[in-house]
Amino acid sequence: TARYYCAARLSPLSERQTFLQPYEY
């Protein structure tokens, strides 16, 4: 139970990288 948020960011340097921290979006 929570409010679920979607986030996005450009990832120009790597197509494989995932981002785990809120500040990265």
mmCIF file of all heavy atoms, coordinates in Angstrom:
data_MODEL
# 
_entry.id   MODEL 
# 
loop_
_atom_site.group_PDB 
_atom_site.id 
_atom_site.type_symbol 
_atom_site.label_atom_id 
_atom_site.label_alt_id 
_atom_site.label_comp_id 
_atom_site.label_asym_id 
_atom_site.label_entity_id 
_atom_site.label_seq_id 
_atom_site.pdbx_PDB_ins_code 
_atom_site.Cartn_x 
_atom_site.Cartn_y 
_atom_site.Cartn_z 
_atom_site.occupancy 
_atom_site.B_iso_or_equiv 
_atom_site.pdbx_formal_charge 
_atom_site.auth_seq_id 
_atom_site.auth_comp_id 
_atom_site.auth_asym_id 
_atom_site.auth_atom_id 
_atom_site.pdbx_PDB_model_num 
ATOM 1   N N   . THR A 1 1  ? 0.836  -1.196 0.000   1.00 0.00 ? 1  THR A N   1 
ATOM 2   C CA  . THR A 1 1  ? 0.000  0.000  0.000   1.00 0.00 ? 1  THR A CA  1 
ATOM 3   C C   . THR A 1 1  ? 0.869  1.244  0.000   1.00 0.00 ? 1  THR A C   1 
ATOM 4   O O   . THR A 1 1  ? 1.694  1.452  0.882   1.00 0.00 ? 1  THR A O   1 
ATOM 5   C CB  . THR A 1 1  ? -0.915 0.010  1.232   1.00 0.00 ? 1  THR A CB  1 
ATOM 6   O OG1 . THR A 1 1  ? -1.840 -1.083 1.123   1.00 0.00 ? 1  THR A OG1 1 
ATOM 7   C CG2 . THR A 1 1  ? -1.691 1.318  1.325   1.00 0.00 ? 1  THR A CG2 1 
ATOM 8   N N   . ALA A 1 2  ? 0.693  2.062  -1.020  1.00 0.00 ? 2  ALA A N   1 
ATOM 9   C CA  . ALA A 1 2  ? 1.518  3.263  -1.189  1.00 0.00 ? 2  ALA A CA  1 
ATOM 10  C C   . ALA A 1 2  ? 1.028  4.006  -2.430  1.00 0.00 ? 2  ALA A C   1 
ATOM 11  O O   . ALA A 1 2  ? 0.215  3.492  -3.201  1.00 0.00 ? 2  ALA A O   1 
ATOM 12  C CB  . ALA A 1 2  ? 2.992  2.886  -1.368  1.00 0.00 ? 2  ALA A CB  1 
ATOM 13  N N   . ARG A 1 3  ? 1.565  5.197  -2.572  1.00 0.00 ? 3  ARG A N   1 
ATOM 14  C CA  . ARG A 1 3  ? 1.366  5.910  -3.829  1.00 0.00 ? 3  ARG A CA  1 
ATOM 15  C C   . ARG A 1 3  ? 2.549  5.560  -4.724  1.00 0.00 ? 3  ARG A C   1 
ATOM 16  O O   . ARG A 1 3  ? 3.706  5.691  -4.292  1.00 0.00 ? 3  ARG A O   1 
ATOM 17  C CB  . ARG A 1 3  ? 1.261  7.415  -3.617  1.00 0.00 ? 3  ARG A CB  1 
ATOM 18  C CG  . ARG A 1 3  ? 0.788  8.165  -4.855  1.00 0.00 ? 3  ARG A CG  1 
ATOM 19  C CD  . ARG A 1 3  ? 0.300  9.553  -4.545  1.00 0.00 ? 3  ARG A CD  1 
ATOM 20  N NE  . ARG A 1 3  ? -0.316 10.175 -5.719  1.00 0.00 ? 3  ARG A NE  1 
ATOM 21  C CZ  . ARG A 1 3  ? -1.584 9.996  -6.052  1.00 0.00 ? 3  ARG A CZ  1 
ATOM 22  N NH1 . ARG A 1 3  ? -2.384 9.252  -5.311  1.00 0.00 ? 3  ARG A NH1 1 
ATOM 23  N NH2 . ARG A 1 3  ? -2.070 10.601 -7.149  1.00 0.00 ? 3  ARG A NH2 1 
ATOM 24  N N   . TYR A 1 4  ? 2.276  5.130  -5.932  1.00 0.00 ? 4  TYR A N   1 
ATOM 25  C CA  . TYR A 1 4  ? 3.300  4.675  -6.861  1.00 0.00 ? 4  TYR A CA  1 
ATOM 26  C C   . TYR A 1 4  ? 3.573  5.766  -7.901  1.00 0.00 ? 4  TYR A C   1 
ATOM 27  O O   . TYR A 1 4  ? 2.642  6.271  -8.540  1.00 0.00 ? 4  TYR A O   1 
ATOM 28  C CB  . TYR A 1 4  ? 2.854  3.381  -7.548  1.00 0.00 ? 4  TYR A CB  1 
ATOM 29  C CG  . TYR A 1 4  ? 2.960  2.190  -6.636  1.00 0.00 ? 4  TYR A CG  1 
ATOM 30  C CD1 . TYR A 1 4  ? 2.087  2.018  -5.575  1.00 0.00 ? 4  TYR A CD1 1 
ATOM 31  C CD2 . TYR A 1 4  ? 3.960  1.238  -6.821  1.00 0.00 ? 4  TYR A CD2 1 
ATOM 32  C CE1 . TYR A 1 4  ? 2.202  0.940  -4.714  1.00 0.00 ? 4  TYR A CE1 1 
ATOM 33  C CE2 . TYR A 1 4  ? 4.080  0.142  -5.968  1.00 0.00 ? 4  TYR A CE2 1 
ATOM 34  C CZ  . TYR A 1 4  ? 3.199  0.006  -4.916  1.00 0.00 ? 4  TYR A CZ  1 
ATOM 35  O OH  . TYR A 1 4  ? 3.316  -1.067 -4.072  1.00 0.00 ? 4  TYR A OH  1 
ATOM 36  N N   . TYR A 1 5  ? 4.851  6.070  -8.043  1.00 0.00 ? 5  TYR A N   1 
ATOM 37  C CA  . TYR A 1 5  ? 5.289  7.121  -8.948  1.00 0.00 ? 5  TYR A CA  1 
ATOM 38  C C   . TYR A 1 5  ? 6.152  6.562  -10.074 1.00 0.00 ? 5  TYR A C   1 
ATOM 39  O O   . TYR A 1 5  ? 7.013  5.707  -9.840  1.00 0.00 ? 5  TYR A O   1 
ATOM 40  C CB  . TYR A 1 5  ? 6.106  8.166  -8.187  1.00 0.00 ? 5  TYR A CB  1 
ATOM 41  C CG  . TYR A 1 5  ? 5.342  8.892  -7.119  1.00 0.00 ? 5  TYR A CG  1 
ATOM 42  C CD1 . TYR A 1 5  ? 5.294  8.409  -5.810  1.00 0.00 ? 5  TYR A CD1 1 
ATOM 43  C CD2 . TYR A 1 5  ? 4.660  10.073 -7.410  1.00 0.00 ? 5  TYR A CD2 1 
ATOM 44  C CE1 . TYR A 1 5  ? 4.595  9.071  -4.821  1.00 0.00 ? 5  TYR A CE1 1 
ATOM 45  C CE2 . TYR A 1 5  ? 3.953  10.747 -6.425  1.00 0.00 ? 5  TYR A CE2 1 
ATOM 46  C CZ  . TYR A 1 5  ? 3.928  10.243 -5.137  1.00 0.00 ? 5  TYR A CZ  1 
ATOM 47  O OH  . TYR A 1 5  ? 3.230  10.900 -4.157  1.00 0.00 ? 5  TYR A OH  1 
ATOM 48  N N   . CYS A 1 6  ? 5.937  7.088  -11.242 1.00 0.00 ? 6  CYS A N   1 
ATOM 49  C CA  . CYS A 1 6  ? 6.755  6.777  -12.400 1.00 0.00 ? 6  CYS A CA  1 
ATOM 50  C C   . CYS A 1 6  ? 7.740  7.927  -12.605 1.00 0.00 ? 6  CYS A C   1 
ATOM 51  O O   . CYS A 1 6  ? 7.399  9.088  -12.359 1.00 0.00 ? 6  CYS A O   1 
ATOM 52  C CB  . CYS A 1 6  ? 5.842  6.619  -13.616 1.00 0.00 ? 6  CYS A CB  1 
ATOM 53  S SG  . CYS A 1 6  ? 6.660  6.354  -15.169 1.00 0.00 ? 6  CYS A SG  1 
ATOM 54  N N   . ALA A 1 7  ? 8.946  7.596  -13.043 1.00 0.00 ? 7  ALA A N   1 
ATOM 55  C CA  . ALA A 1 7  ? 9.964  8.617  -13.266 1.00 0.00 ? 7  ALA A CA  1 
ATOM 56  C C   . ALA A 1 7  ? 10.718 8.322  -14.563 1.00 0.00 ? 7  ALA A C   1 
ATOM 57  O O   . ALA A 1 7  ? 10.813 7.164  -14.977 1.00 0.00 ? 7  ALA A O   1 
ATOM 58  C CB  . ALA A 1 7  ? 10.936 8.664  -12.090 1.00 0.00 ? 7  ALA A CB  1 
ATOM 59  N N   . ALA A 1 8  ? 11.276 9.367  -15.138 1.00 0.00 ? 8  ALA A N   1 
ATOM 60  C CA  . ALA A 1 8  ? 11.999 9.222  -16.406 1.00 0.00 ? 8  ALA A CA  1 
ATOM 61  C C   . ALA A 1 8  ? 13.235 10.110 -16.420 1.00 0.00 ? 8  ALA A C   1 
ATOM 62  O O   . ALA A 1 8  ? 13.282 11.155 -15.764 1.00 0.00 ? 8  ALA A O   1 
ATOM 63  C CB  . ALA A 1 8  ? 11.087 9.585  -17.579 1.00 0.00 ? 8  ALA A CB  1 
ATOM 64  N N   . ARG A 1 9  ? 14.204 9.674  -17.192 1.00 0.00 ? 9  ARG A N   1 
ATOM 65  C CA  . ARG A 1 9  ? 15.393 10.491 -17.419 1.00 0.00 ? 9  ARG A CA  1 
ATOM 66  C C   . ARG A 1 9  ? 16.019 10.043 -18.738 1.00 0.00 ? 9  ARG A C   1 
ATOM 67  O O   . ARG A 1 9  ? 15.881 8.883  -19.147 1.00 0.00 ? 9  ARG A O   1 
ATOM 68  C CB  . ARG A 1 9  ? 16.410 10.330 -16.307 1.00 0.00 ? 9  ARG A CB  1 
ATOM 69  C CG  . ARG A 1 9  ? 16.951 8.910  -16.139 1.00 0.00 ? 9  ARG A CG  1 
ATOM 70  C CD  . ARG A 1 9  ? 18.268 8.917  -15.422 1.00 0.00 ? 9  ARG A CD  1 
ATOM 71  N NE  . ARG A 1 9  ? 19.330 9.467  -16.265 1.00 0.00 ? 9  ARG A NE  1 
ATOM 72  C CZ  . ARG A 1 9  ? 20.452 9.951  -15.776 1.00 0.00 ? 9  ARG A CZ  1 
ATOM 73  N NH1 . ARG A 1 9  ? 20.653 9.996  -14.468 1.00 0.00 ? 9  ARG A NH1 1 
ATOM 74  N NH2 . ARG A 1 9  ? 21.376 10.403 -16.603 1.00 0.00 ? 9  ARG A NH2 1 
ATOM 75  N N   . LEU A 1 10 ? 16.685 10.950 -19.372 1.00 0.00 ? 10 LEU A N   1 
ATOM 76  C CA  . LEU A 1 10 ? 17.439 10.587 -20.559 1.00 0.00 ? 10 LEU A CA  1 
ATOM 77  C C   . LEU A 1 10 ? 18.670 9.784  -20.140 1.00 0.00 ? 10 LEU A C   1 
ATOM 78  O O   . LEU A 1 10 ? 19.245 10.034 -19.073 1.00 0.00 ? 10 LEU A O   1 
ATOM 79  C CB  . LEU A 1 10 ? 17.856 11.846 -21.323 1.00 0.00 ? 10 LEU A CB  1 
ATOM 80  C CG  . LEU A 1 10 ? 16.739 12.557 -22.080 1.00 0.00 ? 10 LEU A CG  1 
ATOM 81  C CD1 . LEU A 1 10 ? 17.199 13.928 -22.535 1.00 0.00 ? 10 LEU A CD1 1 
ATOM 82  C CD2 . LEU A 1 10 ? 16.267 11.726 -23.250 1.00 0.00 ? 10 LEU A CD2 1 
ATOM 83  N N   . SER A 1 11 ? 19.036 8.851  -20.970 1.00 0.00 ? 11 SER A N   1 
ATOM 84  C CA  . SER A 1 11 ? 20.201 8.008  -20.685 1.00 0.00 ? 11 SER A CA  1 
ATOM 85  C C   . SER A 1 11 ? 21.047 7.934  -21.951 1.00 0.00 ? 11 SER A C   1 
ATOM 86  O O   . SER A 1 11 ? 21.113 6.900  -22.612 1.00 0.00 ? 11 SER A O   1 
ATOM 87  C CB  . SER A 1 11 ? 19.739 6.612  -20.254 1.00 0.00 ? 11 SER A CB  1 
ATOM 88  O OG  . SER A 1 11 ? 20.848 5.795  -19.936 1.00 0.00 ? 11 SER A OG  1 
ATOM 89  N N   . PRO A 1 12 ? 21.703 9.033  -22.278 1.00 0.00 ? 12 PRO A N   1 
ATOM 90  C CA  . PRO A 1 12 ? 22.368 9.106  -23.569 1.00 0.00 ? 12 PRO A CA  1 
ATOM 91  C C   . PRO A 1 12 ? 23.626 8.262  -23.690 1.00 0.00 ? 12 PRO A C   1 
ATOM 92  O O   . PRO A 1 12 ? 24.018 7.900  -24.793 1.00 0.00 ? 12 PRO A O   1 
ATOM 93  C CB  . PRO A 1 12 ? 22.691 10.599 -23.695 1.00 0.00 ? 12 PRO A CB  1 
ATOM 94  C CG  . PRO A 1 12 ? 22.813 11.073 -22.284 1.00 0.00 ? 12 PRO A CG  1 
ATOM 95  C CD  . PRO A 1 12 ? 21.799 10.281 -21.513 1.00 0.00 ? 12 PRO A CD  1 
ATOM 96  N N   . LEU A 1 13 ? 24.245 7.960  -22.554 1.00 0.00 ? 13 LEU A N   1 
ATOM 97  C CA  . LEU A 1 13 ? 25.548 7.303  -22.615 1.00 0.00 ? 13 LEU A CA  1 
ATOM 98  C C   . LEU A 1 13 ? 25.453 5.787  -22.603 1.00 0.00 ? 13 LEU A C   1 
ATOM 99  O O   . LEU A 1 13 ? 26.383 5.110  -23.024 1.00 0.00 ? 13 LEU A O   1 
ATOM 100 C CB  . LEU A 1 13 ? 26.426 7.774  -21.450 1.00 0.00 ? 13 LEU A CB  1 
ATOM 101 C CG  . LEU A 1 13 ? 26.707 9.271  -21.404 1.00 0.00 ? 13 LEU A CG  1 
ATOM 102 C CD1 . LEU A 1 13 ? 27.578 9.606  -20.203 1.00 0.00 ? 13 LEU A CD1 1 
ATOM 103 C CD2 . LEU A 1 13 ? 27.360 9.736  -22.700 1.00 0.00 ? 13 LEU A CD2 1 
ATOM 104 N N   . SER A 1 14 ? 24.344 5.263  -22.099 1.00 0.00 ? 14 SER A N   1 
ATOM 105 C CA  . SER A 1 14 ? 24.258 3.807  -21.989 1.00 0.00 ? 14 SER A CA  1 
ATOM 106 C C   . SER A 1 14 ? 22.824 3.351  -22.190 1.00 0.00 ? 14 SER A C   1 
ATOM 107 O O   . SER A 1 14 ? 21.913 3.877  -21.556 1.00 0.00 ? 14 SER A O   1 
ATOM 108 C CB  . SER A 1 14 ? 24.741 3.347  -20.611 1.00 0.00 ? 14 SER A CB  1 
ATOM 109 O OG  . SER A 1 14 ? 24.473 1.970  -20.428 1.00 0.00 ? 14 SER A OG  1 
ATOM 110 N N   . GLU A 1 15 ? 22.640 2.366  -23.025 1.00 0.00 ? 15 GLU A N   1 
ATOM 111 C CA  . GLU A 1 15 ? 21.306 1.815  -23.208 1.00 0.00 ? 15 GLU A CA  1 
ATOM 112 C C   . GLU A 1 15 ? 21.013 0.718  -22.195 1.00 0.00 ? 15 GLU A C   1 
ATOM 113 O O   . GLU A 1 15 ? 19.895 0.245  -22.102 1.00 0.00 ? 15 GLU A O   1 
ATOM 114 C CB  . GLU A 1 15 ? 21.140 1.275  -24.619 1.00 0.00 ? 15 GLU A CB  1 
ATOM 115 C CG  . GLU A 1 15 ? 22.069 0.132  -24.971 1.00 0.00 ? 15 GLU A CG  1 
ATOM 116 C CD  . GLU A 1 15 ? 21.811 -0.404 -26.371 1.00 0.00 ? 15 GLU A CD  1 
ATOM 117 O OE1 . GLU A 1 15 ? 20.976 0.184  -27.091 1.00 0.00 ? 15 GLU A OE1 1 
ATOM 118 O OE2 . GLU A 1 15 ? 22.464 -1.389 -26.747 1.00 0.00 ? 15 GLU A OE2 1 
ATOM 119 N N   . ARG A 1 16 ? 22.018 0.316  -21.418 1.00 0.00 ? 16 ARG A N   1 
ATOM 120 C CA  . ARG A 1 16 ? 21.856 -0.783 -20.480 1.00 0.00 ? 16 ARG A CA  1 
ATOM 121 C C   . ARG A 1 16 ? 21.669 -0.327 -19.033 1.00 0.00 ? 16 ARG A C   1 
ATOM 122 O O   . ARG A 1 16 ? 21.307 -1.109 -18.177 1.00 0.00 ? 16 ARG A O   1 
ATOM 123 C CB  . ARG A 1 16 ? 23.078 -1.692 -20.541 1.00 0.00 ? 16 ARG A CB  1 
ATOM 124 C CG  . ARG A 1 16 ? 23.302 -2.372 -21.862 1.00 0.00 ? 16 ARG A CG  1 
ATOM 125 C CD  . ARG A 1 16 ? 24.633 -3.089 -21.880 1.00 0.00 ? 16 ARG A CD  1 
ATOM 126 N NE  . ARG A 1 16 ? 24.775 -4.009 -20.754 1.00 0.00 ? 16 ARG A NE  1 
ATOM 127 C CZ  . ARG A 1 16 ? 24.348 -5.263 -20.772 1.00 0.00 ? 16 ARG A CZ  1 
ATOM 128 N NH1 . ARG A 1 16 ? 23.745 -5.740 -21.833 1.00 0.00 ? 16 ARG A NH1 1 
ATOM 129 N NH2 . ARG A 1 16 ? 24.516 -6.031 -19.714 1.00 0.00 ? 16 ARG A NH2 1 
ATOM 130 N N   . GLN A 1 17 ? 21.912 0.937  -18.773 1.00 0.00 ? 17 GLN A N   1 
ATOM 131 C CA  . GLN A 1 17 ? 21.953 1.399  -17.395 1.00 0.00 ? 17 GLN A CA  1 
ATOM 132 C C   . GLN A 1 17 ? 20.569 1.606  -16.805 1.00 0.00 ? 17 GLN A C   1 
ATOM 133 O O   . GLN A 1 17 ? 19.671 2.157  -17.449 1.00 0.00 ? 17 GLN A O   1 
ATOM 134 C CB  . GLN A 1 17 ? 22.740 2.701  -17.305 1.00 0.00 ? 17 GLN A CB  1 
ATOM 135 C CG  . GLN A 1 17 ? 23.041 3.161  -15.897 1.00 0.00 ? 17 GLN A CG  1 
ATOM 136 C CD  . GLN A 1 17 ? 23.984 4.348  -15.851 1.00 0.00 ? 17 GLN A CD  1 
ATOM 137 O OE1 . GLN A 1 17 ? 24.410 4.863  -16.886 1.00 0.00 ? 17 GLN A OE1 1 
ATOM 138 N NE2 . GLN A 1 17 ? 24.314 4.789  -14.657 1.00 0.00 ? 17 GLN A NE2 1 
ATOM 139 N N   . THR A 1 18 ? 20.406 1.135  -15.563 1.00 0.00 ? 18 THR A N   1 
ATOM 140 C CA  . THR A 1 18 ? 19.217 1.438  -14.793 1.00 0.00 ? 18 THR A CA  1 
ATOM 141 C C   . THR A 1 18 ? 19.604 2.387  -13.668 1.00 0.00 ? 18 THR A C   1 
ATOM 142 O O   . THR A 1 18 ? 20.754 2.427  -13.234 1.00 0.00 ? 18 THR A O   1 
ATOM 143 C CB  . THR A 1 18 ? 18.591 0.156  -14.201 1.00 0.00 ? 18 THR A CB  1 
ATOM 144 O OG1 . THR A 1 18 ? 19.609 -0.567 -13.492 1.00 0.00 ? 18 THR A OG1 1 
ATOM 145 C CG2 . THR A 1 18 ? 18.008 -0.731 -15.276 1.00 0.00 ? 18 THR A CG2 1 
ATOM 146 N N   . PHE A 1 19 ? 18.642 3.147  -13.196 1.00 0.00 ? 19 PHE A N   1 
ATOM 147 C CA  . PHE A 1 19 ? 18.886 4.175  -12.190 1.00 0.00 ? 19 PHE A CA  1 
ATOM 148 C C   . PHE A 1 19 ? 17.996 3.907  -10.992 1.00 0.00 ? 19 PHE A C   1 
ATOM 149 O O   . PHE A 1 19 ? 16.781 3.720  -11.147 1.00 0.00 ? 19 PHE A O   1 
ATOM 150 C CB  . PHE A 1 19 ? 18.620 5.555  -12.789 1.00 0.00 ? 19 PHE A CB  1 
ATOM 151 C CG  . PHE A 1 19 ? 19.491 5.848  -13.976 1.00 0.00 ? 19 PHE A CG  1 
ATOM 152 C CD1 . PHE A 1 19 ? 19.087 5.496  -15.251 1.00 0.00 ? 19 PHE A CD1 1 
ATOM 153 C CD2 . PHE A 1 19 ? 20.723 6.469  -13.814 1.00 0.00 ? 19 PHE A CD2 1 
ATOM 154 C CE1 . PHE A 1 19 ? 19.889 5.746  -16.354 1.00 0.00 ? 19 PHE A CE1 1 
ATOM 155 C CE2 . PHE A 1 19 ? 21.527 6.733  -14.903 1.00 0.00 ? 19 PHE A CE2 1 
ATOM 156 C CZ  . PHE A 1 19 ? 21.124 6.367  -16.178 1.00 0.00 ? 19 PHE A CZ  1 
ATOM 157 N N   . LEU A 1 20 ? 18.591 3.894  -9.812  1.00 0.00 ? 20 LEU A N   1 
ATOM 158 C CA  . LEU A 1 20 ? 17.900 3.415  -8.626  1.00 0.00 ? 20 LEU A CA  1 
ATOM 159 C C   . LEU A 1 20 ? 17.537 4.513  -7.621  1.00 0.00 ? 20 LEU A C   1 
ATOM 160 O O   . LEU A 1 20 ? 16.765 4.250  -6.712  1.00 0.00 ? 20 LEU A O   1 
ATOM 161 C CB  . LEU A 1 20 ? 18.762 2.371  -7.910  1.00 0.00 ? 20 LEU A CB  1 
ATOM 162 C CG  . LEU A 1 20 ? 19.362 1.253  -8.785  1.00 0.00 ? 20 LEU A CG  1 
ATOM 163 C CD1 . LEU A 1 20 ? 20.035 0.222  -7.900  1.00 0.00 ? 20 LEU A CD1 1 
ATOM 164 C CD2 . LEU A 1 20 ? 18.315 0.626  -9.674  1.00 0.00 ? 20 LEU A CD2 1 
ATOM 165 N N   . GLN A 1 21 ? 18.080 5.688  -7.795  1.00 0.00 ? 21 GLN A N   1 
ATOM 166 C CA  . GLN A 1 21 ? 17.878 6.754  -6.818  1.00 0.00 ? 21 GLN A CA  1 
ATOM 167 C C   . GLN A 1 21 ? 16.936 7.823  -7.354  1.00 0.00 ? 21 GLN A C   1 
ATOM 168 O O   . GLN A 1 21 ? 17.016 8.201  -8.521  1.00 0.00 ? 21 GLN A O   1 
ATOM 169 C CB  . GLN A 1 21 ? 19.221 7.396  -6.465  1.00 0.00 ? 21 GLN A CB  1 
ATOM 170 C CG  . GLN A 1 21 ? 20.246 6.440  -5.896  1.00 0.00 ? 21 GLN A CG  1 
ATOM 171 C CD  . GLN A 1 21 ? 19.799 5.841  -4.582  1.00 0.00 ? 21 GLN A CD  1 
ATOM 172 O OE1 . GLN A 1 21 ? 19.077 6.461  -3.799  1.00 0.00 ? 21 GLN A OE1 1 
ATOM 173 N NE2 . GLN A 1 21 ? 20.225 4.607  -4.328  1.00 0.00 ? 21 GLN A NE2 1 
ATOM 174 N N   . PRO A 1 22 ? 16.063 8.349  -6.505  1.00 0.00 ? 22 PRO A N   1 
ATOM 175 C CA  . PRO A 1 22 ? 15.136 9.393  -6.973  1.00 0.00 ? 22 PRO A CA  1 
ATOM 176 C C   . PRO A 1 22 ? 15.838 10.595 -7.600  1.00 0.00 ? 22 PRO A C   1 
ATOM 177 O O   . PRO A 1 22 ? 15.341 11.142 -8.590  1.00 0.00 ? 22 PRO A O   1 
ATOM 178 C CB  . PRO A 1 22 ? 14.389 9.790  -5.688  1.00 0.00 ? 22 PRO A CB  1 
ATOM 179 C CG  . PRO A 1 22 ? 14.466 8.588  -4.818  1.00 0.00 ? 22 PRO A CG  1 
ATOM 180 C CD  . PRO A 1 22 ? 15.805 7.973  -5.111  1.00 0.00 ? 22 PRO A CD  1 
ATOM 181 N N   . TYR A 1 23 ? 16.983 10.990 -7.053  1.00 0.00 ? 23 TYR A N   1 
ATOM 182 C CA  . TYR A 1 23 ? 17.650 12.193 -7.558  1.00 0.00 ? 23 TYR A CA  1 
ATOM 183 C C   . TYR A 1 23 ? 18.209 11.996 -8.963  1.00 0.00 ? 23 TYR A C   1 
ATOM 184 O O   . TYR A 1 23 ? 18.570 12.962 -9.633  1.00 0.00 ? 23 TYR A O   1 
ATOM 185 C CB  . TYR A 1 23 ? 18.766 12.631 -6.604  1.00 0.00 ? 23 TYR A CB  1 
ATOM 186 C CG  . TYR A 1 23 ? 19.964 11.709 -6.525  1.00 0.00 ? 23 TYR A CG  1 
ATOM 187 C CD1 . TYR A 1 23 ? 20.955 11.737 -7.505  1.00 0.00 ? 23 TYR A CD1 1 
ATOM 188 C CD2 . TYR A 1 23 ? 20.105 10.819 -5.475  1.00 0.00 ? 23 TYR A CD2 1 
ATOM 189 C CE1 . TYR A 1 23 ? 22.047 10.890 -7.434  1.00 0.00 ? 23 TYR A CE1 1 
ATOM 190 C CE2 . TYR A 1 23 ? 21.199 9.969  -5.395  1.00 0.00 ? 23 TYR A CE2 1 
ATOM 191 C CZ  . TYR A 1 23 ? 22.164 10.010 -6.381  1.00 0.00 ? 23 TYR A CZ  1 
ATOM 192 O OH  . TYR A 1 23 ? 23.246 9.172  -6.306  1.00 0.00 ? 23 TYR A OH  1 
ATOM 193 N N   . GLU A 1 24 ? 18.265 10.771 -9.426  1.00 0.00 ? 24 GLU A N   1 
ATOM 194 C CA  . GLU A 1 24 ? 18.783 10.492 -10.765 1.00 0.00 ? 24 GLU A CA  1 
ATOM 195 C C   . GLU A 1 24 ? 17.736 10.721 -11.859 1.00 0.00 ? 24 GLU A C   1 
ATOM 196 O O   . GLU A 1 24 ? 18.064 10.643 -13.036 1.00 0.00 ? 24 GLU A O   1 
ATOM 197 C CB  . GLU A 1 24 ? 19.295 9.052  -10.840 1.00 0.00 ? 24 GLU A CB  1 
ATOM 198 C CG  . GLU A 1 24 ? 20.469 8.782  -9.912  1.00 0.00 ? 24 GLU A CG  1 
ATOM 199 C CD  . GLU A 1 24 ? 21.018 7.379  -10.048 1.00 0.00 ? 24 GLU A CD  1 
ATOM 200 O OE1 . GLU A 1 24 ? 20.299 6.429  -9.627  1.00 0.00 ? 24 GLU A OE1 1 
ATOM 201 O OE2 . GLU A 1 24 ? 22.140 7.227  -10.558 1.00 0.00 ? 24 GLU A OE2 1 
ATOM 202 N N   . TYR A 1 25 ? 16.520 10.998 -11.478 1.00 0.00 ? 25 TYR A N   1 
ATOM 203 C CA  . TYR A 1 25 ? 15.445 11.192 -12.438 1.00 0.00 ? 25 TYR A CA  1 
ATOM 204 C C   . TYR A 1 25 ? 15.056 12.664 -12.526 1.00 0.00 ? 25 TYR A C   1 
ATOM 205 O O   . TYR A 1 25 ? 15.026 13.383 -11.539 1.00 0.00 ? 25 TYR A O   1 
ATOM 206 C CB  . TYR A 1 25 ? 14.230 10.350 -12.056 1.00 0.00 ? 25 TYR A CB  1 
ATOM 207 C CG  . TYR A 1 25 ? 14.468 8.876  -12.252 1.00 0.00 ? 25 TYR A CG  1 
ATOM 208 C CD1 . TYR A 1 25 ? 15.004 8.098  -11.234 1.00 0.00 ? 25 TYR A CD1 1 
ATOM 209 C CD2 . TYR A 1 25 ? 14.171 8.272  -13.467 1.00 0.00 ? 25 TYR A CD2 1 
ATOM 210 C CE1 . TYR A 1 25 ? 15.240 6.742  -11.420 1.00 0.00 ? 25 TYR A CE1 1 
ATOM 211 C CE2 . TYR A 1 25 ? 14.399 6.918  -13.664 1.00 0.00 ? 25 TYR A CE2 1 
ATOM 212 C CZ  . TYR A 1 25 ? 14.932 6.160  -12.638 1.00 0.00 ? 25 TYR A CZ  1 
ATOM 213 O OH  . TYR A 1 25 ? 15.171 4.820  -12.832 1.00 0.00 ? 25 TYR A OH  1 
# 
